[in-house]
């Protein structure tokens, strides 16, 4: 009987499994590196337990876990509001509509990634030099989510990323040094960009407007942000709305390259 049931396995069942796997993969991408990852793993474990108890017909525990899953849906929406916003932004992104970037959404099916073309060493080298001279800067690296909604606030550019170019943009007497520079596919595509400022109260008071803007754009999209403090010369790396710690610039370069791949 079980063998006959196995034969009834339809192509739609296989497609259902693939779609669920893709959905879980993208949810994992959104919460990876944040405190929400532990909650996500917990939800997957509870859901697996629920389905297991249903399969073996343990009705009492199955109904209890099922009730918890149903009631907890509203709480999950509150907990994952930032991640849900990012997911909806990714689905509705103008980049998602283009053929090349649509295919980029499925880059996990192959080992290479388009964004590895970005010259991370040049970016970090420029940040190191600006850190030494205490030159304030904010650099935003676009990933999957389109940043068109902020690019339009600045000056459109199309300059290949090099260390001297980045340094000249944020030079204190440069007309382009105010605002953020946006990098896409190893090209600086916009300067003097105005970013949304985060209202997060947990950001330490020692961080100024640049850092709040970097947190703001990484809260709303999957972009990466680098900030050089004008007061202290400290380099900060922000992703998913949070500051990422690193030991030295070599480790920072490695972390950014890894984040661009995944």
Protein backbone atom coordinates (compact mmCIF):
# COMPACT_ATOMS: atom_id res chain seq x y z
CA UNK A 1 0.00 0.00 0.00
CA UNK A 2 2.81 2.38 0.88
CA UNK A 3 4.51 1.53 -2.40
CA UNK A 4 1.32 2.36 -4.31
CA UNK A 5 1.07 5.67 -2.47
CA UNK A 6 4.65 6.38 -3.49
CA UNK A 7 3.70 5.80 -7.11
CA UNK A 8 0.98 8.44 -6.71
CA UNK A 9 3.70 11.05 -6.15
CA UNK A 10 2.84 13.67 -8.78
CA UNK A 11 4.93 16.27 -10.54
CA UNK A 12 2.99 18.93 -8.64
CA UNK A 13 4.17 17.39 -5.36
CA UNK A 14 7.76 17.59 -6.56
CA UNK A 15 7.22 21.22 -7.66
CA UNK A 16 5.67 21.98 -4.26
CA UNK A 17 8.79 20.69 -2.49
CA UNK A 18 11.10 22.73 -4.76
CA UNK A 19 9.11 25.94 -4.21
CA UNK A 20 9.10 25.46 -0.43
CA UNK A 21 12.87 24.86 -0.50
CA UNK A 22 13.42 28.06 -2.52
CA UNK A 23 11.17 30.04 -0.16
CA UNK A 24 13.05 28.76 2.90
CA UNK A 25 16.36 29.56 1.22
CA UNK A 26 15.39 33.19 0.63
CA UNK A 27 14.01 33.57 4.14
CA UNK A 28 17.33 32.22 5.44
CA UNK A 29 19.21 34.75 3.27
CA UNK A 30 17.17 37.59 4.75
CA UNK A 31 17.75 36.62 8.38
CA UNK A 32 21.30 35.23 8.06
CA UNK A 33 23.69 37.20 10.23
CA UNK A 34 20.91 38.70 12.38
CA UNK A 35 19.45 37.73 15.75
CA UNK A 36 16.35 36.56 13.87
CA UNK A 37 18.25 33.53 12.52
CA UNK A 38 17.80 31.68 15.82
CA UNK A 39 14.06 32.37 15.74
CA UNK A 40 13.89 31.15 12.15
CA UNK A 41 15.67 27.89 13.01
CA UNK A 42 13.34 27.43 16.00
CA UNK A 43 10.28 27.89 13.77
CA UNK A 44 11.57 25.30 11.28
CA UNK A 45 12.16 22.80 14.11
CA UNK A 46 8.67 23.36 15.59
CA UNK A 47 7.07 23.08 12.14
CA UNK A 48 8.96 19.82 11.45
CA UNK A 49 7.81 18.49 14.84
CA UNK A 50 4.23 19.42 14.02
CA UNK A 51 4.29 17.58 10.69
CA UNK A 52 6.01 14.57 12.28
CA UNK A 53 3.35 14.25 14.98
CA UNK A 54 0.65 14.51 12.31
CA UNK A 55 2.35 11.78 10.29
CA UNK A 56 2.48 9.34 13.21
CA UNK A 57 -1.06 10.38 14.27
CA UNK A 58 -0.14 11.72 17.72
CA UNK A 59 -3.32 13.78 17.81
CA UNK A 60 -2.95 15.52 21.17
CA UNK A 61 0.58 16.87 20.74
CA UNK A 62 -0.15 17.59 17.08
CA UNK A 63 -3.16 19.75 17.97
CA UNK A 64 -1.13 21.61 20.64
CA UNK A 65 1.77 22.37 18.32
CA UNK A 66 -0.64 23.22 15.49
CA UNK A 67 -2.48 25.68 17.74
CA UNK A 68 0.83 27.29 18.70
CA UNK A 69 1.78 27.67 15.03
CA UNK A 70 -1.56 29.27 14.17
CA UNK A 71 -1.63 31.69 17.11
CA UNK A 72 2.05 32.55 16.70
CA UNK A 73 1.57 33.81 13.14
CA UNK A 74 0.76 37.36 14.26
CA UNK A 75 3.74 37.39 16.62
CA UNK A 76 6.00 36.21 13.79
CA UNK A 77 4.85 39.09 11.56
CA UNK A 78 5.85 41.52 14.31
CA UNK A 79 9.21 39.85 14.94
CA UNK A 80 10.12 39.61 11.26
CA UNK A 81 8.73 42.96 10.11
CA UNK A 82 12.14 44.14 8.86
CA UNK A 83 12.76 40.88 6.98
CA UNK A 84 9.24 40.83 5.52
CA UNK A 85 9.77 44.39 4.26
CA UNK A 86 13.03 43.36 2.60
CA UNK A 87 11.40 40.31 1.01
CA UNK A 88 8.52 42.34 -0.44
CA UNK A 89 10.97 44.98 -1.64
CA UNK A 90 13.00 42.26 -3.38
CA UNK A 91 9.89 40.85 -5.08
CA UNK A 92 8.68 44.29 -6.16
CA UNK A 93 12.12 45.62 -7.04
CA UNK A 94 12.59 47.14 -10.48
CA UNK A 95 15.76 45.07 -10.75
CA UNK A 96 13.72 41.91 -10.25
CA UNK A 97 11.80 42.70 -13.41
CA UNK A 98 14.86 42.81 -15.65
CA UNK A 99 15.99 39.57 -17.27
CA UNK A 100 19.60 39.71 -16.13
CA UNK A 101 18.75 40.51 -12.53
CA UNK A 102 15.88 38.03 -12.49
CA UNK A 103 18.38 35.30 -13.30
CA UNK A 104 20.65 36.71 -10.61
CA UNK A 105 17.98 35.83 -8.04
CA UNK A 106 18.81 32.17 -8.74
CA UNK A 107 22.59 32.53 -8.51
CA UNK A 108 22.63 30.00 -5.67
CA UNK A 109 22.16 27.31 -8.34
CA UNK A 110 25.74 27.92 -9.50
CA UNK A 111 29.01 28.47 -7.70
CA UNK A 112 29.93 31.87 -9.10
CA UNK A 113 28.26 35.23 -8.51
CA UNK A 114 28.19 38.35 -10.63
CA UNK A 115 28.91 40.65 -7.72
CA UNK A 116 32.37 39.14 -7.17
CA UNK A 117 33.51 41.48 -9.96
CA UNK A 118 33.45 44.40 -7.52
CA UNK A 119 36.95 45.60 -6.63
CA UNK A 120 36.62 45.27 -2.85
CA UNK A 121 40.36 45.87 -2.33
CA UNK A 122 40.10 49.29 -3.99
CA UNK A 123 37.14 50.24 -1.79
CA UNK A 124 38.86 49.12 1.41
CA UNK A 125 42.12 50.80 0.36
CA UNK A 126 40.27 54.09 -0.15
CA UNK A 127 38.55 53.72 3.24
CA UNK A 128 41.95 53.08 4.87
CA UNK A 129 43.42 56.26 3.36
CA UNK A 130 40.35 58.31 4.28
CA UNK A 131 40.48 56.87 7.79
CA UNK A 132 44.07 58.10 8.19
CA UNK A 133 43.08 61.63 7.15
CA UNK A 134 39.73 61.51 9.01
CA UNK A 135 37.80 62.13 5.82
CA UNK A 136 34.13 61.35 6.31
CA UNK A 137 32.60 58.97 3.78
CA UNK A 138 29.66 56.64 3.25
CA UNK A 139 29.73 54.00 0.53
CA UNK A 140 26.73 51.82 -0.32
CA UNK A 141 27.13 48.61 -2.34
CA UNK A 142 24.02 47.43 -4.14
CA UNK A 143 23.21 43.72 -4.12
CA UNK A 144 19.85 42.22 -5.19
CA UNK A 145 17.47 44.99 -4.12
CA UNK A 146 17.28 47.98 -6.43
CA UNK A 147 18.49 51.28 -4.99
CA UNK A 148 16.85 53.39 -7.71
CA UNK A 149 14.62 55.03 -5.11
CA UNK A 150 17.69 56.65 -3.47
CA UNK A 151 19.94 57.02 -6.52
CA UNK A 152 17.54 59.60 -7.95
CA UNK A 153 18.24 61.89 -4.97
CA UNK A 154 21.88 62.32 -6.01
CA UNK A 155 24.01 62.88 -9.09
CA UNK A 156 24.03 60.12 -11.69
CA UNK A 157 27.50 58.73 -12.44
CA UNK A 158 29.05 55.87 -14.37
CA UNK A 159 32.64 55.62 -13.13
CA UNK A 160 34.58 52.39 -12.66
CA UNK A 161 35.59 51.76 -9.06
CA UNK A 162 39.21 52.66 -8.29
CA UNK A 163 40.86 53.78 -5.07
CA UNK A 164 41.83 57.28 -6.33
CA UNK A 165 38.32 57.92 -7.67
CA UNK A 166 36.69 57.06 -4.35
CA UNK A 167 39.16 59.23 -2.44
CA UNK A 168 38.59 62.16 -4.80
CA UNK A 169 34.80 61.92 -4.40
CA UNK A 170 34.97 62.25 -0.61
CA UNK A 171 37.84 64.76 -0.55
CA UNK A 172 36.76 67.53 1.83
CA UNK A 173 36.82 70.25 -0.83
CA UNK A 174 35.11 68.11 -3.46
CA UNK A 175 31.57 69.20 -4.48
CA UNK A 176 30.57 65.52 -4.37
CA UNK A 177 31.69 64.67 -0.82
CA UNK A 178 28.31 65.27 0.84
CA UNK A 179 25.96 62.29 0.88
CA UNK A 180 26.61 58.69 -0.10
CA UNK A 181 28.23 57.07 -3.12
CA UNK A 182 26.38 54.05 -4.55
CA UNK A 183 28.32 51.21 -6.19
CA UNK A 184 26.70 48.74 -8.57
CA UNK A 185 28.61 46.03 -10.48
CA UNK A 186 31.99 47.74 -9.90
CA UNK A 187 30.74 51.14 -11.07
CA UNK A 188 29.98 54.21 -9.00
CA UNK A 189 26.48 54.94 -10.32
CA UNK A 190 25.51 57.85 -8.05
CA UNK A 191 27.07 60.37 -5.66
CA UNK A 192 25.66 62.90 -3.17
CA UNK A 193 22.87 60.40 -2.51
CA UNK A 194 20.46 61.11 0.35
CA UNK A 195 19.74 57.94 2.34
CA UNK A 196 16.83 57.16 4.68
CA UNK A 197 17.91 57.72 8.29
CA UNK A 198 17.21 55.01 10.84
CA UNK A 199 15.20 55.87 13.95
CA UNK A 200 16.55 52.86 15.83
CA UNK A 201 17.09 53.88 19.45
CA UNK A 202 19.72 51.22 20.13
CA UNK A 203 22.32 52.96 17.94
CA UNK A 204 24.96 54.44 20.32
CA UNK A 205 24.93 58.22 20.58
CA UNK A 206 28.58 58.42 19.46
CA UNK A 207 27.46 57.54 15.93
CA UNK A 208 26.28 60.44 13.82
CA UNK A 209 24.07 60.99 10.78
CA UNK A 210 26.29 59.02 8.39
CA UNK A 211 26.03 55.90 10.52
CA UNK A 212 22.27 56.30 10.98
CA UNK A 213 21.88 56.68 7.21
CA UNK A 214 23.95 53.52 6.65
CA UNK A 215 21.78 51.62 9.13
CA UNK A 216 18.65 53.03 7.47
CA UNK A 217 19.47 51.86 3.94
CA UNK A 218 20.57 48.40 5.13
CA UNK A 219 17.35 48.05 7.14
CA UNK A 220 15.21 48.69 4.07
CA UNK A 221 17.32 46.77 1.50
CA UNK A 222 19.98 44.08 1.36
CA UNK A 223 22.67 46.64 0.48
CA UNK A 224 26.03 46.78 2.27
CA UNK A 225 27.37 50.04 3.70
CA UNK A 226 30.81 51.31 4.72
CA UNK A 227 31.19 54.44 6.82
CA UNK A 228 34.36 56.38 7.64
CA UNK A 229 33.93 58.64 10.67
CA UNK A 230 35.00 62.24 10.20
CA UNK A 231 35.55 62.64 13.95
CA UNK A 232 37.54 59.49 14.76
CA UNK A 233 38.51 58.02 11.39
CA UNK A 234 36.93 54.70 12.42
CA UNK A 235 35.68 52.44 9.62
CA UNK A 236 32.29 50.82 10.22
CA UNK A 237 30.67 48.05 8.20
CA UNK A 238 26.87 47.79 8.30
CA UNK A 239 24.56 45.13 6.88
CA UNK A 240 21.00 44.09 7.74
CA UNK A 241 20.72 47.25 9.85
CA UNK A 242 23.49 46.12 12.21
CA UNK A 243 27.17 46.91 12.75
CA UNK A 244 29.46 44.02 11.80
CA UNK A 245 32.65 43.65 13.82
CA UNK A 246 36.01 42.82 12.24
CA UNK A 247 39.59 42.50 13.52
CA UNK A 248 41.43 44.23 10.68
CA UNK A 249 40.97 45.39 7.09
CA UNK A 250 42.04 42.02 5.73
CA UNK A 251 39.18 40.33 7.56
CA UNK A 252 36.81 43.12 6.50
CA UNK A 253 37.74 42.56 2.84
CA UNK A 254 37.08 38.84 3.21
CA UNK A 255 33.72 39.42 4.94
CA UNK A 256 32.51 41.82 2.24
CA UNK A 257 33.52 39.44 -0.56
CA UNK A 258 31.65 36.64 1.16
CA UNK A 259 28.56 38.83 1.62
CA UNK A 260 28.64 39.81 -2.06
CA UNK A 261 28.69 36.17 -3.13
CA UNK A 262 25.80 35.17 -0.91
